[in-house]
Amino acid sequence: MSKLIRPFLLFLLVTLLWLSVYHAYGFANRPAHGDELAYIARGVDLVEEGITALADGYRPPLFPFIVALLALLFDNKDLLINARLLNIIAMSLVPAIWFYAGSKAGEKKRISYYSMSFFTALWPPFYLYSFSAHAESLSFLFLNCLVYYLATRNFNFFRIENRIRTLTAIPLLLALLFYLKANNILISIPAALFLIFSPSTKSITARTSYVFIIALICFALISPWLVFLKSTTGQWNFTTTGGYNFLVGTGYYNFGMDADGRSVHEQYMQKLHGDYPRLPQDKTKELQNSNLSAAELDSLSKSIALQLWRDNTIQQIIFGQKKIFHSLGFSMRGMTDYVTAIFFISTCIISLLIIFSRIDKSIVFLHWGFALCGVLIAFFWLPNIRFKTFYFDTTAFLVISHFFQAIISRRNFYWSNGTRLTSP
């Protein structure tokens, strides 16, 4: 119990710090906008209409359910404020989790986990997204829990208790991430590869079989949503926004969206095409047909996007590459981009130092597996920096923390040829 006191105090301190920022910089007075409006409306509709409010599959159900619960427990006029406060609290748990991990860890990992606690307590993007009623904050929380579980190597399959814990924790965390945002499920791929190929005394065949079981359990946990969408939309879908975002990602149509997606279009698509590209008028009219259901709009958007890729393959590949660089901060629009780009370059350098040393490299490969998922999102869909924050930042900090641990402990850091980097 005594080991929980300091993490709890840290949680309170971080919560108060970012609540102060939230109020001091006017975030508390900002009206709902964009996805916030959609999530709040979904939650209210759930209370009033029941599960049929989610029948179009436009949003995964977990965050709307949480908003609905807040609506039932508290005054509806404070629903937006309560959803934002919940997100700040959820994100503030993350540093406490890593601090607790550090207090339990041995000498080889303690500094690494305390560093993670420091980074996750003070990295602004984590909390700036928590200032909105979006699903990102809880996604960060569950992602950090998953990464913590993987990093601490709590999956020794020789012991039955660890085997049961692994077959429970990992599928549950992956399912929760999926129920928050459908694209979150992409991280299951690098997580699976990490479980299979990270150092272990168990054979790869045995570890692969356990990963297969984990995948089956995860699929069983998310299948109720898939069956529900099939019954309501007539299609097997994770969500009815995949085709929608795929079309937005082509640069030809943005459904009235702005922010990052629009700025990328204006900055790069005009250079590729001269004039800002537009869909033919007949396709635009089809997309603006108010009689289309969400599933029908999604299917139509996907078919138009695929046709655009077939007709403009080279341009779309070039645009996809531009979107990747944009998501990593290389548009250089201001301080946010400068910091993002420097962060990316620093992580690359530290990753190479680890690869060419005798430090355990598995964390580096886990990070770049996650980062590749973010690259795919930017290339085909949207280069919004919040996707980069989810897929890149947590494991990047773990790589940096892993490096700090090796440097501070000194004796662990050797180049691959046996030369010590630092003197004892």
Protein backbone atom coordinates (compact mmCIF):
# COMPACT_ATOMS: atom_id res chain seq x y z
CA MET A 1 0.00 0.00 0.00
CA SER A 2 2.87 2.39 0.79
CA LYS A 3 4.07 2.09 -2.82
CA LEU A 4 0.75 3.53 -4.01
CA ILE A 5 1.01 6.76 -1.99
CA ARG A 6 3.65 8.46 -4.15
CA PRO A 7 2.00 7.51 -7.47
CA PHE A 8 -1.30 8.82 -6.10
CA LEU A 9 0.29 12.09 -5.02
CA LEU A 10 1.90 12.40 -8.44
CA PHE A 11 -1.48 11.79 -10.06
CA LEU A 12 -3.00 14.62 -7.98
CA LEU A 13 -0.10 16.95 -8.78
CA VAL A 14 -0.27 16.30 -12.55
CA THR A 15 -4.04 16.64 -12.56
CA LEU A 16 -3.86 19.99 -10.76
CA LEU A 17 -1.07 21.19 -13.06
CA TRP A 18 -2.99 20.53 -16.27
CA LEU A 19 -6.30 21.66 -14.83
CA SER A 20 -4.56 24.96 -14.09
CA VAL A 21 -3.37 25.16 -17.70
CA TYR A 22 -6.84 24.19 -18.89
CA HIS A 23 -8.42 27.12 -17.04
CA ALA A 24 -5.59 29.66 -17.34
CA TYR A 25 -5.45 29.49 -21.13
CA GLY A 26 -9.18 29.58 -21.72
CA PHE A 27 -9.74 25.98 -22.80
CA ALA A 28 -12.52 25.67 -20.23
CA ASN A 29 -14.52 28.41 -21.98
CA ARG A 30 -14.08 27.08 -25.49
CA PRO A 31 -17.35 25.87 -27.03
CA ALA A 32 -17.66 22.35 -28.41
CA HIS A 33 -16.38 21.98 -31.95
CA GLY A 34 -15.76 19.30 -34.56
CA ASP A 35 -15.67 15.77 -33.19
CA GLU A 36 -16.63 17.02 -29.75
CA LEU A 37 -20.09 17.91 -31.03
CA ALA A 38 -20.44 14.45 -32.56
CA TYR A 39 -19.38 12.61 -29.39
CA ILE A 40 -21.58 14.69 -27.12
CA ALA A 41 -24.56 14.25 -29.46
CA ARG A 42 -23.96 10.49 -29.60
CA GLY A 43 -23.89 10.25 -25.82
CA VAL A 44 -27.11 12.22 -25.42
CA ASP A 45 -28.78 10.16 -28.16
CA LEU A 46 -27.76 6.97 -26.39
CA VAL A 47 -29.59 8.12 -23.28
CA GLU A 48 -32.69 9.10 -25.22
CA GLU A 49 -32.83 6.43 -27.93
CA GLY A 50 -30.77 3.52 -26.62
CA ILE A 51 -28.32 1.45 -28.67
CA THR A 52 -30.03 2.34 -31.95
CA ALA A 53 -28.28 5.74 -31.70
CA LEU A 54 -25.09 3.91 -32.74
CA ALA A 55 -26.71 1.91 -35.53
CA ASP A 56 -24.98 3.82 -38.34
CA GLY A 57 -21.54 2.77 -37.07
CA TYR A 58 -20.16 6.27 -37.48
CA ARG A 59 -18.41 6.16 -34.10
CA PRO A 60 -17.17 3.17 -32.08
CA PRO A 61 -19.31 2.83 -28.98
CA LEU A 62 -17.06 3.19 -25.93
CA PHE A 63 -16.65 6.96 -25.67
CA PRO A 64 -20.33 7.66 -26.52
CA PHE A 65 -21.23 5.19 -23.74
CA ILE A 66 -18.98 7.09 -21.33
CA VAL A 67 -20.58 10.39 -22.35
CA ALA A 68 -24.01 8.80 -21.85
CA LEU A 69 -22.99 7.65 -18.37
CA LEU A 70 -21.86 11.17 -17.51
CA ALA A 71 -25.20 12.48 -18.79
CA LEU A 72 -27.04 10.08 -16.47
CA LEU A 73 -24.88 10.87 -13.44
CA PHE A 74 -24.57 14.65 -13.75
CA ASP A 75 -26.40 17.67 -15.07
CA ASN A 76 -26.57 17.66 -18.86
CA LYS A 77 -25.69 21.34 -19.11
CA ASP A 78 -22.23 20.44 -17.74
CA LEU A 79 -21.80 17.42 -20.01
CA LEU A 80 -19.07 18.95 -22.16
CA ILE A 81 -17.12 20.15 -19.12
CA ASN A 82 -17.44 16.78 -17.38
CA ALA A 83 -16.26 14.88 -20.46
CA ARG A 84 -13.21 17.12 -20.74
CA LEU A 85 -12.42 16.78 -17.03
CA LEU A 86 -12.68 13.02 -17.27
CA ASN A 87 -10.17 13.07 -20.11
CA ILE A 88 -7.71 15.18 -18.12
CA ILE A 89 -8.02 12.81 -15.17
CA ALA A 90 -7.56 9.76 -17.41
CA MET A 91 -4.40 11.17 -18.97
CA SER A 92 -3.04 12.19 -15.56
CA LEU A 93 -3.17 8.54 -14.50
CA VAL A 94 -0.47 7.67 -17.03
CA PRO A 95 2.52 9.27 -15.21
CA ALA A 96 1.34 7.62 -11.99
CA ILE A 97 1.28 4.22 -13.69
CA TRP A 98 4.84 4.62 -14.94
CA PHE A 99 5.99 5.93 -11.55
CA TYR A 100 4.45 2.88 -9.87
CA ALA A 101 6.21 0.68 -12.44
CA GLY A 102 9.49 2.38 -11.54
CA SER A 103 8.95 1.83 -7.82
CA LYS A 104 8.47 -1.90 -8.46
CA ALA A 105 11.20 -2.31 -11.08
CA GLY A 106 14.71 -3.56 -10.52
CA GLU A 107 17.83 -1.52 -11.13
CA LYS A 108 17.91 -2.36 -14.86
CA LYS A 109 14.57 -0.65 -15.59
CA ARG A 110 13.85 1.76 -12.75
CA ILE A 111 15.36 4.87 -14.38
CA SER A 112 13.60 4.07 -17.65
CA TYR A 113 10.16 3.92 -16.04
CA TYR A 114 10.72 7.01 -13.90
CA SER A 115 11.76 8.84 -17.09
CA MET A 116 8.53 7.72 -18.73
CA SER A 117 6.63 9.12 -15.76
CA PHE A 118 8.41 12.45 -16.21
CA PHE A 119 7.83 12.62 -19.98
CA THR A 120 4.16 11.64 -19.83
CA ALA A 121 3.54 14.14 -17.04
CA LEU A 122 4.91 17.11 -18.99
CA TRP A 123 4.48 16.43 -22.73
CA PRO A 124 1.90 19.03 -23.82
CA PRO A 125 0.28 17.18 -26.78
CA PHE A 126 -1.01 14.42 -24.49
CA TYR A 127 -2.89 16.96 -22.40
CA LEU A 128 -3.90 19.39 -25.12
CA TYR A 129 -5.93 16.58 -26.70
CA SER A 130 -7.31 15.80 -23.24
CA PHE A 131 -8.77 19.32 -23.12
CA SER A 132 -11.38 18.21 -25.67
CA ALA A 133 -14.19 15.67 -25.40
CA HIS A 134 -12.46 13.26 -27.80
CA ALA A 135 -11.51 9.60 -27.49
CA GLU A 136 -7.77 10.35 -27.62
CA SER A 137 -7.15 10.70 -23.88
CA LEU A 138 -8.52 7.28 -22.97
CA SER A 139 -6.71 5.88 -26.01
CA PHE A 140 -3.44 7.25 -24.58
CA LEU A 141 -4.26 5.70 -21.20
CA PHE A 142 -4.94 2.21 -22.56
CA LEU A 143 -2.01 2.43 -24.98
CA ASN A 144 0.37 3.25 -22.14
CA CYS A 145 -1.04 0.35 -20.13
CA LEU A 146 -0.39 -1.96 -23.09
CA VAL A 147 3.12 -0.60 -23.66
CA TYR A 148 3.87 -0.89 -19.93
CA TYR A 149 2.71 -4.49 -19.97
CA LEU A 150 4.88 -5.29 -22.99
CA ALA A 151 7.90 -3.35 -21.72
CA THR A 152 7.86 -5.04 -18.30
CA ARG A 153 7.89 -8.45 -20.03
CA ASN A 154 5.01 -9.81 -17.92
CA PHE A 155 4.38 -12.59 -20.40
CA ASN A 156 6.52 -15.50 -19.25
CA PHE A 157 4.44 -18.31 -20.67
CA PHE A 158 6.19 -20.94 -18.55
CA ARG A 159 4.21 -19.80 -15.51
CA ILE A 160 0.49 -20.45 -15.62
CA GLU A 161 -0.43 -17.26 -13.70
CA ASN A 162 1.51 -15.11 -16.17
CA ARG A 163 -0.01 -17.00 -19.07
CA ILE A 164 -3.54 -16.31 -17.83
CA ARG A 165 -2.70 -12.67 -17.14
CA THR A 166 -1.33 -12.22 -20.64
CA LEU A 167 -4.33 -13.89 -22.27
CA THR A 168 -6.57 -11.51 -20.32
CA ALA A 169 -4.75 -8.17 -20.24
CA ILE A 170 -3.53 -7.84 -23.82
CA PRO A 171 -6.79 -8.78 -25.61
CA LEU A 172 -8.78 -6.59 -23.21
CA LEU A 173 -6.57 -3.55 -23.76
CA LEU A 174 -6.61 -4.02 -27.54
CA ALA A 175 -10.41 -4.38 -27.51
CA LEU A 176 -10.82 -1.24 -25.40
CA LEU A 177 -8.58 0.66 -27.81
CA PHE A 178 -10.65 -0.58 -30.76
CA TYR A 179 -13.92 0.39 -29.08
CA LEU A 180 -12.55 3.93 -28.66
CA LYS A 181 -11.24 4.43 -32.21
CA ALA A 182 -11.36 1.78 -34.91
CA ASN A 183 -7.93 2.66 -36.33
CA ASN A 184 -6.36 1.94 -32.93
CA ILE A 185 -6.56 -1.76 -33.76
CA LEU A 186 -3.58 -1.29 -36.10
CA ILE A 187 -1.22 -1.43 -33.11
CA SER A 188 -2.15 -5.08 -32.63
CA ILE A 189 0.23 -5.91 -35.51
CA PRO A 190 3.48 -4.54 -33.99
CA ALA A 191 2.35 -5.73 -30.55
CA ALA A 192 1.94 -9.28 -31.92
CA LEU A 193 5.34 -9.17 -33.63
CA PHE A 194 6.90 -7.92 -30.40
CA LEU A 195 5.43 -10.83 -28.46
CA ILE A 196 6.68 -13.30 -31.03
CA PHE A 197 10.19 -12.01 -31.67
CA SER A 198 11.31 -10.26 -28.46
CA PRO A 199 13.96 -12.16 -26.45
CA SER A 200 12.48 -15.19 -24.68
CA THR A 201 13.42 -18.72 -23.72
CA LYS A 202 10.20 -19.97 -25.32
CA SER A 203 10.32 -21.09 -28.95
CA ILE A 204 8.94 -18.84 -31.68
CA THR A 205 6.41 -21.55 -32.55
CA ALA A 206 5.09 -21.59 -29.00
CA ARG A 207 4.95 -17.80 -28.81
CA THR A 208 3.18 -17.63 -32.15
CA SER A 209 0.54 -20.02 -30.89
CA TYR A 210 -0.04 -17.85 -27.82
CA VAL A 211 -0.35 -14.75 -30.01
CA PHE A 212 -2.90 -16.62 -32.12
CA ILE A 213 -4.92 -17.35 -28.97
CA ILE A 214 -4.66 -13.68 -27.95
CA ALA A 215 -5.95 -12.69 -31.40
CA LEU A 216 -8.91 -15.05 -31.07
CA ILE A 217 -9.82 -13.67 -27.65
CA CYS A 218 -9.51 -10.09 -28.93
CA PHE A 219 -11.71 -10.92 -31.91
CA ALA A 220 -14.29 -12.47 -29.59
CA LEU A 221 -14.33 -9.26 -27.53
CA ILE A 222 -14.90 -6.97 -30.53
CA SER A 223 -17.23 -9.30 -32.45
CA PRO A 224 -20.43 -8.04 -30.75
CA TRP A 225 -19.84 -4.63 -32.36
CA LEU A 226 -19.13 -6.19 -35.74
CA VAL A 227 -22.28 -8.31 -35.56
CA PHE A 228 -24.30 -5.27 -34.47
CA LEU A 229 -23.05 -3.23 -37.44
CA LYS A 230 -23.76 -6.10 -39.80
CA SER A 231 -27.34 -6.27 -38.54
CA THR A 232 -27.89 -2.51 -38.85
CA THR A 233 -25.91 -1.57 -41.97
CA GLY A 234 -25.95 -4.88 -43.83
CA GLN A 235 -22.15 -4.81 -44.14
CA TRP A 236 -19.18 -6.16 -42.22
CA ASN A 237 -17.49 -2.98 -41.02
CA PHE A 238 -15.33 -1.80 -38.14
CA THR A 239 -16.73 1.68 -38.70
CA THR A 240 -18.52 3.64 -41.41
CA THR A 241 -15.85 6.35 -41.60
CA GLY A 242 -13.05 4.37 -43.28
CA GLY A 243 -14.08 5.18 -46.86
CA TYR A 244 -15.04 8.70 -45.80
CA ASN A 245 -11.55 9.40 -44.48
CA PHE A 246 -9.95 7.58 -47.41
CA LEU A 247 -11.62 10.06 -49.78
CA VAL A 248 -10.58 13.01 -47.62
CA GLY A 249 -7.03 11.65 -47.77
CA THR A 250 -6.97 11.93 -51.57
CA GLY A 251 -7.20 15.72 -51.32
CA TYR A 252 -10.14 15.95 -53.72
CA TYR A 253 -12.96 16.34 -51.23
CA ASN A 254 -12.99 17.29 -47.56
CA PHE A 255 -16.66 17.17 -46.47
CA GLY A 256 -16.28 20.69 -45.09
CA MET A 257 -13.40 19.69 -42.81
CA ASP A 258 -10.53 22.05 -42.15
CA ALA A 259 -7.55 22.14 -39.75
CA ASP A 260 -4.62 19.88 -40.64
CA GLY A 261 -6.25 18.03 -43.52
CA ARG A 262 -7.22 21.20 -45.36
CA SER A 263 -3.87 22.91 -44.87
CA VAL A 264 -2.11 19.90 -46.38
CA HIS A 265 -4.41 20.06 -49.38
CA GLU A 266 -3.75 23.74 -49.92
CA GLN A 267 0.00 23.45 -49.40
CA TYR A 268 0.71 20.40 -51.56
CA MET A 269 -2.14 19.57 -53.91
CA GLN A 270 -1.92 22.90 -55.76
CA LYS A 271 1.75 22.17 -56.45
CA LEU A 272 0.82 18.81 -57.94
CA HIS A 273 -2.17 19.91 -60.01
CA GLY A 274 -1.76 23.67 -60.46
CA ASP A 275 -5.32 24.45 -59.39
CA TYR A 276 -6.84 22.97 -56.27
CA PRO A 277 -8.32 19.65 -57.49
CA ARG A 278 -12.04 19.09 -57.28
CA LEU A 279 -14.27 16.13 -57.88
CA PRO A 280 -16.48 16.14 -60.97
CA GLN A 281 -19.78 17.82 -60.25
CA ASP A 282 -21.79 14.61 -60.59
CA LYS A 283 -19.66 12.89 -57.90
CA THR A 284 -19.99 15.90 -55.62
CA LYS A 285 -23.76 15.79 -55.95
CA GLU A 286 -23.78 12.09 -55.11
CA LEU A 287 -21.78 12.72 -51.94
CA GLN A 288 -24.07 15.57 -50.92
CA ASN A 289 -27.18 13.43 -51.25
CA SER A 290 -28.84 13.75 -47.85
CA ASN A 291 -30.74 10.49 -48.36
CA LEU A 292 -27.57 8.39 -48.12
CA SER A 293 -27.10 6.42 -44.93
CA ALA A 294 -23.70 6.54 -43.21
CA ALA A 295 -22.86 3.08 -44.58
CA GLU A 296 -23.88 4.07 -48.11
CA LEU A 297 -21.87 7.30 -47.92
CA ASP A 298 -18.89 5.32 -46.68
CA SER A 299 -19.12 2.82 -49.55
CA LEU A 300 -19.56 5.60 -52.12
CA SER A 301 -16.61 7.53 -50.70
CA LYS A 302 -14.42 4.43 -50.82
CA SER A 303 -15.30 3.67 -54.45
CA ILE A 304 -14.59 7.28 -55.51
CA ALA A 305 -11.29 7.29 -53.62
CA LEU A 306 -10.19 4.01 -55.23
CA GLN A 307 -11.02 5.41 -58.66
CA LEU A 308 -8.97 8.53 -57.91
CA TRP A 309 -6.04 6.33 -56.90
CA ARG A 310 -6.34 4.32 -60.13
CA ASP A 311 -6.53 7.45 -62.28
CA ASN A 312 -3.87 9.47 -60.42
CA THR A 313 -1.60 6.87 -58.87
CA ILE A 314 1.69 8.77 -59.10
CA GLN A 315 0.16 12.01 -57.81
CA GLN A 316 -1.48 10.20 -54.91
CA ILE A 317 1.80 8.49 -53.97
CA ILE A 318 3.59 11.85 -54.00
CA PHE A 319 0.77 13.43 -51.98
CA GLY A 320 0.87 10.52 -49.51
CA GLN A 321 4.58 11.08 -48.97
CA LYS A 322 3.97 14.78 -48.42
CA LYS A 323 1.30 13.94 -45.84
CA ILE A 324 3.73 11.70 -43.97
CA PHE A 325 6.31 14.50 -43.73
CA HIS A 326 3.53 16.90 -42.73
CA SER A 327 2.41 14.64 -39.89
CA LEU A 328 6.00 14.49 -38.60
CA GLY A 329 6.31 18.27 -38.47
CA PHE A 330 8.29 18.92 -41.66
CA SER A 331 5.76 21.41 -43.04
CA MET A 332 7.52 23.88 -40.70
CA ARG A 333 4.43 26.02 -40.15
CA GLY A 334 5.43 27.15 -36.69
CA MET A 335 6.66 26.09 -33.25
CA THR A 336 4.47 22.96 -33.08
CA ASP A 337 6.00 21.66 -36.31
CA TYR A 338 9.55 22.58 -35.23
CA VAL A 339 9.21 20.68 -31.95
CA THR A 340 7.56 17.72 -33.69
CA ALA A 341 10.32 17.48 -36.30
CA ILE A 342 13.12 17.78 -33.72
CA PHE A 343 11.44 15.11 -31.60
CA PHE A 344 11.27 12.78 -34.61
CA ILE A 345 14.91 13.35 -35.60
CA SER A 346 16.10 12.88 -32.00
CA THR A 347 14.22 9.58 -31.74
CA CYS A 348 15.79 8.41 -35.01
CA ILE A 349 19.29 9.21 -33.74
CA ILE A 350 18.76 7.52 -30.37
CA SER A 351 17.23 4.47 -32.08
CA LEU A 352 20.34 4.13 -34.24
CA LEU A 353 22.61 4.46 -31.19
CA ILE A 354 20.70 1.64 -29.51
CA ILE A 355 20.74 -0.57 -32.62
CA PHE A 356 24.54 -0.24 -32.93
CA SER A 357 25.10 -0.91 -29.25
CA ARG A 358 24.55 -3.87 -26.98
CA ILE A 359 21.38 -2.45 -25.45
CA ASP A 360 18.23 -4.56 -25.79
CA LYS A 361 16.81 -3.50 -29.16
CA SER A 362 13.29 -4.91 -28.84
CA ILE A 363 11.84 -1.62 -27.55
CA VAL A 364 13.23 0.16 -30.64
CA PHE A 365 11.50 -2.30 -32.97
CA LEU A 366 8.26 -2.01 -30.99
CA HIS A 367 8.40 1.77 -31.37
CA TRP A 368 9.03 1.78 -35.10
CA GLY A 369 6.30 -0.81 -35.59
CA PHE A 370 3.87 1.56 -33.91
CA ALA A 371 5.29 4.49 -35.88
CA LEU A 372 4.76 2.62 -39.14
CA CYS A 373 1.06 2.36 -38.31
CA GLY A 374 0.96 6.15 -38.00
CA VAL A 375 2.79 6.49 -41.32
CA LEU A 376 0.16 4.31 -43.03
CA ILE A 377 -2.64 6.42 -41.53
CA ALA A 378 -1.00 9.61 -42.85
CA PHE A 379 -0.25 8.12 -46.28
CA PHE A 380 -3.72 6.78 -47.04
CA TRP A 381 -5.98 8.77 -44.76
CA LEU A 382 -5.25 11.90 -42.74
CA PRO A 383 -1.94 13.46 -41.60
CA ASN A 384 -3.52 14.93 -38.49
CA ILE A 385 -0.84 15.38 -35.84
CA ARG A 386 -3.02 13.71 -33.19
CA PHE A 387 -2.56 10.38 -35.01
CA LYS A 388 1.21 10.95 -34.86
CA THR A 389 0.90 11.66 -31.14
CA PHE A 390 -0.88 8.36 -30.56
CA TYR A 391 1.23 6.10 -32.76
CA PHE A 392 4.63 7.72 -32.21
CA ASP A 393 5.06 9.67 -29.00
CA THR A 394 4.54 7.11 -26.21
CA THR A 395 6.95 4.50 -27.56
CA ALA A 396 9.39 7.22 -28.70
CA PHE A 397 9.64 8.36 -25.09
CA LEU A 398 10.12 4.72 -24.08
CA VAL A 399 13.06 4.46 -26.50
CA ILE A 400 14.58 7.66 -25.08
CA SER A 401 13.98 6.45 -21.51
CA HIS A 402 15.55 3.10 -22.39
CA PHE A 403 18.60 4.98 -23.66
CA PHE A 404 18.79 7.14 -20.52
CA GLN A 405 18.77 3.97 -18.41
CA ALA A 406 21.75 2.59 -20.34
CA ILE A 407 23.73 5.85 -20.18
CA ILE A 408 23.15 6.42 -16.46
CA SER A 409 23.90 2.84 -15.49
CA ARG A 410 26.93 3.11 -17.85
CA ARG A 411 28.08 -0.48 -17.62
CA ASN A 412 25.22 -1.55 -19.91
CA PHE A 413 26.16 0.67 -22.85
CA TYR A 414 28.62 -0.92 -25.23
CA TRP A 415 28.99 -0.57 -28.96
CA SER A 416 28.40 -3.79 -30.86
CA ASN A 417 32.19 -4.23 -31.25
CA GLY A 418 32.59 -4.32 -27.46
CA THR A 419 33.85 -0.74 -26.96
CA ARG A 420 32.34 1.05 -23.98
CA LEU A 421 30.64 4.38 -24.82
CA THR A 422 31.15 5.85 -21.33
CA SER A 423 33.84 5.17 -18.82
CA PRO A 424 32.92 3.40 -15.58
